């Protein structure tokens, strides 16, 4: 586990503690979009293309 007092996303995913991670790291952005992205990251599967920002919004 990390030396700090907070879980990393990777640790939370491996330990099945995503709810604890979410409580420690409250979203300060558009919640639905963040939730879809976080779910995709935690599951190891990328979100569907229509669930993220449109092409041109992000250069990289």
PDB file of N, CA and C in Angstrom:
ATOM      1  N   UNK A   1       0.833  -1.181   0.000  1.00  0.00           N
ATOM      2  CA  UNK A   1       0.000   0.000   0.000  1.00  0.00           C
ATOM      3  C   UNK A   1       0.881   1.249   0.000  1.00  0.00           C
ATOM      4  N   UNK A   2       0.355   2.332  -0.452  1.00  0.00           N
ATOM      5  CA  UNK A   2       1.115   3.579  -0.550  1.00  0.00           C
ATOM      6  C   UNK A   2       1.533   4.054   0.839  1.00  0.00           C
ATOM      7  N   UNK A   3       2.578   4.835   0.875  1.00  0.00           N
ATOM      8  CA  UNK A   3       3.064   5.340   2.150  1.00  0.00           C
ATOM      9  C   UNK A   3       2.196   6.473   2.674  1.00  0.00           C
ATOM     10  N   UNK A   4       1.498   7.177   1.778  1.00  0.00           N
ATOM     11  CA  UNK A   4       0.603   8.249   2.198  1.00  0.00           C
ATOM     12  C   UNK A   4      -0.656   7.674   2.812  1.00  0.00           C
ATOM     13  N   UNK A   5      -1.541   8.543   3.236  1.00  0.00           N
ATOM     14  CA  UNK A   5      -2.746   8.044   3.893  1.00  0.00           C
ATOM     15  C   UNK A   5      -3.895   7.786   2.919  1.00  0.00           C
ATOM     16  N   UNK A   6      -3.736   8.122   1.643  1.00  0.00           N
ATOM     17  CA  UNK A   6      -4.787   7.934   0.660  1.00  0.00           C
ATOM     18  C   UNK A   6      -4.482   6.768  -0.268  1.00  0.00           C
ATOM     19  N   UNK A   7      -5.532   6.102  -0.735  1.00  0.00           N
ATOM     20  CA  UNK A   7      -5.395   5.029  -1.714  1.00  0.00           C
ATOM     21  C   UNK A   7      -5.100   5.613  -3.092  1.00  0.00           C
ATOM     22  N   UNK A   8      -4.279   4.929  -3.854  1.00  0.00           N
ATOM     23  CA  UNK A   8      -4.116   5.304  -5.258  1.00  0.00           C
ATOM     24  C   UNK A   8      -5.214   4.588  -6.038  1.00  0.00           C
ATOM     25  N   UNK A   9      -5.496   5.043  -7.237  1.00  0.00           N
ATOM     26  CA  UNK A   9      -6.516   4.407  -8.058  1.00  0.00           C
ATOM     27  C   UNK A   9      -6.148   2.955  -8.327  1.00  0.00           C
ATOM     28  N   UNK A  10      -4.896   2.706  -8.621  1.00  0.00           N
ATOM     29  CA  UNK A  10      -4.446   1.339  -8.905  1.00  0.00           C
ATOM     30  C   UNK A  10      -4.663   0.429  -7.688  1.00  0.00           C
ATOM     31  N   UNK A  11      -4.299   0.913  -6.495  1.00  0.00           N
ATOM     32  CA  UNK A  11      -4.492   0.120  -5.284  1.00  0.00           C
ATOM     33  C   UNK A  11      -5.975  -0.142  -5.019  1.00  0.00           C
ATOM     34  N   UNK A  12      -6.780   0.885  -5.172  1.00  0.00           N
ATOM     35  CA  UNK A  12      -8.217   0.743  -4.940  1.00  0.00           C
ATOM     36  C   UNK A  12      -8.816  -0.271  -5.900  1.00  0.00           C
ATOM     37  N   UNK A  13      -8.398  -0.236  -7.156  1.00  0.00           N
ATOM     38  CA  UNK A  13      -8.908  -1.178  -8.151  1.00  0.00           C
ATOM     39  C   UNK A  13      -8.511  -2.602  -7.786  1.00  0.00           C
ATOM     40  N   UNK A  14      -7.253  -2.803  -7.442  1.00  0.00           N
ATOM     41  CA  UNK A  14      -6.760  -4.144  -7.111  1.00  0.00           C
ATOM     42  C   UNK A  14      -7.397  -4.692  -5.836  1.00  0.00           C
ATOM     43  N   UNK A  15      -7.650  -3.808  -4.861  1.00  0.00           N
ATOM     44  CA  UNK A  15      -8.197  -4.236  -3.573  1.00  0.00           C
ATOM     45  C   UNK A  15      -9.724  -4.212  -3.522  1.00  0.00           C
ATOM     46  N   UNK A  16     -10.356  -3.758  -4.600  1.00  0.00           N
ATOM     47  CA  UNK A  16     -11.818  -3.678  -4.624  1.00  0.00           C
ATOM     48  C   UNK A  16     -12.359  -2.592  -3.713  1.00  0.00           C
ATOM     49  N   UNK A  17     -11.610  -1.494  -3.566  1.00  0.00           N
ATOM     50  CA  UNK A  17     -12.004  -0.408  -2.672  1.00  0.00           C
ATOM     51  C   UNK A  17     -12.261   0.886  -3.440  1.00  0.00           C
ATOM     52  N   UNK A  18     -12.962   0.790  -4.563  1.00  0.00           N
ATOM     53  CA  UNK A  18     -13.214   1.979  -5.378  1.00  0.00           C
ATOM     54  C   UNK A  18     -14.115   2.985  -4.668  1.00  0.00           C
ATOM     55  N   UNK A  19     -15.065   2.511  -3.870  1.00  0.00           N
ATOM     56  CA  UNK A  19     -15.936   3.439  -3.139  1.00  0.00           C
ATOM     57  C   UNK A  19     -15.127   4.242  -2.128  1.00  0.00           C
ATOM     58  N   UNK A  20     -14.179   3.589  -1.464  1.00  0.00           N
ATOM     59  CA  UNK A  20     -13.307   4.291  -0.520  1.00  0.00           C
ATOM     60  C   UNK A  20     -12.448   5.315  -1.257  1.00  0.00           C
ATOM     61  N   UNK A  21     -11.926   4.939  -2.423  1.00  0.00           N
ATOM     62  CA  UNK A  21     -11.137   5.853  -3.238  1.00  0.00           C
ATOM     63  C   UNK A  21     -11.971   7.073  -3.623  1.00  0.00           C
ATOM     64  N   UNK A  22     -13.215   6.827  -4.045  1.00  0.00           N
ATOM     65  CA  UNK A  22     -14.098   7.922  -4.458  1.00  0.00           C
ATOM     66  C   UNK A  22     -14.380   8.875  -3.297  1.00  0.00           C
ATOM     67  N   UNK A  23     -14.531   8.351  -2.101  1.00  0.00           N
ATOM     68  CA  UNK A  23     -14.768   9.211  -0.928  1.00  0.00           C
ATOM     69  C   UNK A  23     -13.543  10.070  -0.626  1.00  0.00           C
ATOM     70  N   UNK A  24     -12.352   9.486  -0.811  1.00  0.00           N
ATOM     71  CA  UNK A  24     -11.109  10.209  -0.541  1.00  0.00           C
ATOM     72  C   UNK A  24     -10.801  11.258  -1.612  1.00  0.00           C
ATOM     73  N   UNK A  25     -11.320  11.062  -2.812  1.00  0.00           N
ATOM     74  CA  UNK A  25     -11.021  11.941  -3.943  1.00  0.00           C
ATOM     75  C   UNK A  25     -12.314  12.440  -4.578  1.00  0.00           C
ATOM     76  N   UNK A  26     -13.017  13.359  -3.925  1.00  0.00           N
ATOM     77  CA  UNK A  26     -14.290  13.838  -4.489  1.00  0.00           C
ATOM     78  C   UNK A  26     -14.076  14.563  -5.819  1.00  0.00           C
ATOM     79  N   UNK A  27     -15.019  14.363  -6.727  1.00  0.00           N
ATOM     80  CA  UNK A  27     -14.937  14.981  -8.051  1.00  0.00           C
ATOM     81  C   UNK A  27     -15.230  16.470  -7.959  1.00  0.00           C
ATOM     82  N   UNK A  28     -14.454  17.251  -8.681  1.00  0.00           N
ATOM     83  CA  UNK A  28     -14.669  18.694  -8.741  1.00  0.00           C
ATOM     84  C   UNK A  28     -14.870  19.098 -10.193  1.00  0.00           C
ATOM     85  N   UNK A  29     -15.604  18.279 -10.916  1.00  0.00           N
ATOM     86  CA  UNK A  29     -15.835  18.504 -12.337  1.00  0.00           C
ATOM     87  C   UNK A  29     -17.209  17.984 -12.703  1.00  0.00           C
ATOM     88  N   UNK A  30     -17.494  17.934 -13.979  1.00  0.00           N
ATOM     89  CA  UNK A  30     -18.768  17.409 -14.445  1.00  0.00           C
ATOM     90  C   UNK A  30     -18.873  15.940 -14.013  1.00  0.00           C
ATOM     91  N   UNK A  31     -19.739  15.657 -13.070  1.00  0.00           N
ATOM     92  CA  UNK A  31     -19.783  14.366 -12.397  1.00  0.00           C
ATOM     93  C   UNK A  31     -20.037  13.188 -13.332  1.00  0.00           C
ATOM     94  N   UNK A  32     -21.021  13.273 -14.187  1.00  0.00           N
ATOM     95  CA  UNK A  32     -21.327  12.123 -15.055  1.00  0.00           C
ATOM     96  C   UNK A  32     -20.158  11.755 -15.946  1.00  0.00           C
ATOM     97  N   UNK A  33     -19.524  12.725 -16.523  1.00  0.00           N
ATOM     98  CA  UNK A  33     -18.393  12.467 -17.414  1.00  0.00           C
ATOM     99  C   UNK A  33     -17.217  11.871 -16.644  1.00  0.00           C
ATOM    100  N   UNK A  34     -16.967  12.404 -15.450  1.00  0.00           N
ATOM    101  CA  UNK A  34     -15.892  11.890 -14.612  1.00  0.00           C
ATOM    102  C   UNK A  34     -16.174  10.451 -14.191  1.00  0.00           C
ATOM    103  N   UNK A  35     -17.420  10.165 -13.802  1.00  0.00           N
ATOM    104  CA  UNK A  35     -17.788   8.813 -13.385  1.00  0.00           C
ATOM    105  C   UNK A  35     -17.560   7.796 -14.498  1.00  0.00           C
ATOM    106  N   UNK A  36     -17.921   8.148 -15.726  1.00  0.00           N
ATOM    107  CA  UNK A  36     -17.717   7.247 -16.860  1.00  0.00           C
ATOM    108  C   UNK A  36     -16.230   7.006 -17.095  1.00  0.00           C
ATOM    109  N   UNK A  37     -15.448   8.048 -16.996  1.00  0.00           N
ATOM    110  CA  UNK A  37     -14.012   7.916 -17.189  1.00  0.00           C
ATOM    111  C   UNK A  37     -13.389   7.076 -16.082  1.00  0.00           C
ATOM    112  N   UNK A  38     -13.756   7.342 -14.831  1.00  0.00           N
ATOM    113  CA  UNK A  38     -13.218   6.601 -13.695  1.00  0.00           C
ATOM    114  C   UNK A  38     -13.613   5.133 -13.779  1.00  0.00           C
ATOM    115  N   UNK A  39     -14.850   4.856 -14.146  1.00  0.00           N
ATOM    116  CA  UNK A  39     -15.305   3.476 -14.288  1.00  0.00           C
ATOM    117  C   UNK A  39     -14.494   2.756 -15.362  1.00  0.00           C
ATOM    118  N   UNK A  40     -14.257   3.429 -16.471  1.00  0.00           N
ATOM    119  CA  UNK A  40     -13.454   2.838 -17.533  1.00  0.00           C
ATOM    120  C   UNK A  40     -12.027   2.570 -17.091  1.00  0.00           C
ATOM    121  N   UNK A  41     -11.456   3.491 -16.360  1.00  0.00           N
ATOM    122  CA  UNK A  41     -10.085   3.321 -15.877  1.00  0.00           C
ATOM    123  C   UNK A  41     -10.006   2.177 -14.879  1.00  0.00           C
ATOM    124  N   UNK A  42     -10.963   2.104 -13.983  1.00  0.00           N
ATOM    125  CA  UNK A  42     -10.946   1.088 -12.942  1.00  0.00           C
ATOM    126  C   UNK A  42     -11.202  -0.310 -13.497  1.00  0.00           C
ATOM    127  N   UNK A  43     -12.021  -0.409 -14.528  1.00  0.00           N
ATOM    128  CA  UNK A  43     -12.343  -1.714 -15.092  1.00  0.00           C
ATOM    129  C   UNK A  43     -11.295  -2.179 -16.094  1.00  0.00           C
ATOM    130  N   UNK A  44     -10.450  -1.268 -16.531  1.00  0.00           N
ATOM    131  CA  UNK A  44      -9.438  -1.612 -17.523  1.00  0.00           C
ATOM    132  C   UNK A  44      -9.969  -1.585 -18.934  1.00  0.00           C
ATOM    133  N   UNK A  45     -11.216  -1.133 -19.100  1.00  0.00           N
ATOM    134  CA  UNK A  45     -11.827  -1.040 -20.425  1.00  0.00           C
ATOM    135  C   UNK A  45     -12.070   0.425 -20.745  1.00  0.00           C
ATOM    136  N   UNK A  46     -11.676   0.873 -21.930  1.00  0.00           N
ATOM    137  CA  UNK A  46     -11.911   2.277 -22.278  1.00  0.00           C
ATOM    138  C   UNK A  46     -13.406   2.544 -22.457  1.00  0.00           C
ATOM    139  N   UNK A  47     -13.879   3.728 -22.074  1.00  0.00           N
ATOM    140  CA  UNK A  47     -15.294   4.044 -22.286  1.00  0.00           C
ATOM    141  C   UNK A  47     -15.598   4.145 -23.772  1.00  0.00           C
ATOM    142  N   UNK A  48     -16.847   3.970 -24.123  1.00  0.00           N
ATOM    143  CA  UNK A  48     -17.255   4.083 -25.527  1.00  0.00           C
ATOM    144  C   UNK A  48     -16.892   5.468 -26.033  1.00  0.00           C
ATOM    145  N   UNK A  49     -16.578   5.576 -27.296  1.00  0.00           N
ATOM    146  CA  UNK A  49     -16.112   6.837 -27.886  1.00  0.00           C
ATOM    147  C   UNK A  49     -17.080   7.987 -27.638  1.00  0.00           C
ATOM    148  N   UNK A  50     -18.383   7.732 -27.677  1.00  0.00           N
ATOM    149  CA  UNK A  50     -19.355   8.808 -27.496  1.00  0.00           C
ATOM    150  C   UNK A  50     -19.478   9.262 -26.049  1.00  0.00           C
ATOM    151  N   UNK A  51     -18.784   8.602 -25.123  1.00  0.00           N
ATOM    152  CA  UNK A  51     -18.889   8.953 -23.717  1.00  0.00           C
ATOM    153  C   UNK A  51     -17.799   9.895 -23.247  1.00  0.00           C
ATOM    154  N   UNK A  52     -16.848  10.189 -24.095  1.00  0.00           N
ATOM    155  CA  UNK A  52     -15.772  11.101 -23.714  1.00  0.00           C
ATOM    156  C   UNK A  52     -15.873  12.371 -24.548  1.00  0.00           C
ATOM    157  N   UNK A  53     -14.905  13.237 -24.412  1.00  0.00           N
ATOM    158  CA  UNK A  53     -14.940  14.482 -25.165  1.00  0.00           C
ATOM    159  C   UNK A  53     -14.869  14.211 -26.655  1.00  0.00           C
ATOM    160  N   UNK A  54     -15.434  15.122 -27.430  1.00  0.00           N
ATOM    161  CA  UNK A  54     -15.469  14.953 -28.883  1.00  0.00           C
ATOM    162  C   UNK A  54     -14.094  15.215 -29.479  1.00  0.00           C
ATOM    163  N   UNK A  55     -13.881  14.721 -30.696  1.00  0.00           N
ATOM    164  CA  UNK A  55     -12.617  14.979 -31.385  1.00  0.00           C
ATOM    165  C   UNK A  55     -12.459  16.473 -31.565  1.00  0.00           C
ATOM    166  N   UNK A  56     -11.274  16.953 -31.432  1.00  0.00           N
ATOM    167  CA  UNK A  56     -11.029  18.376 -31.569  1.00  0.00           C
ATOM    168  C   UNK A  56     -11.062  19.091 -30.220  1.00  0.00           C
ATOM    169  N   UNK A  57     -11.763  18.527 -29.251  1.00  0.00           N
ATOM    170  CA  UNK A  57     -11.804  19.129 -27.922  1.00  0.00           C
ATOM    171  C   UNK A  57     -10.442  18.996 -27.256  1.00  0.00           C
ATOM    172  N   UNK A  58      -9.832  17.848 -27.467  1.00  0.00           N
ATOM    173  CA  UNK A  58      -8.540  17.556 -26.867  1.00  0.00           C
ATOM    174  C   UNK A  58      -7.552  17.232 -27.978  1.00  0.00           C
ATOM    175  N   UNK A  59      -6.417  17.847 -27.963  1.00  0.00           N
ATOM    176  CA  UNK A  59      -5.407  17.617 -28.991  1.00  0.00           C
ATOM    177  C   UNK A  59      -4.730  16.266 -28.836  1.00  0.00           C
ATOM    178  N   UNK A  60      -4.462  15.854 -27.594  1.00  0.00           N
ATOM    179  CA  UNK A  60      -3.730  14.596 -27.346  1.00  0.00           C
ATOM    180  C   UNK A  60      -4.628  13.567 -26.768  1.00  0.00           C
TER     181      UNK A  60
END
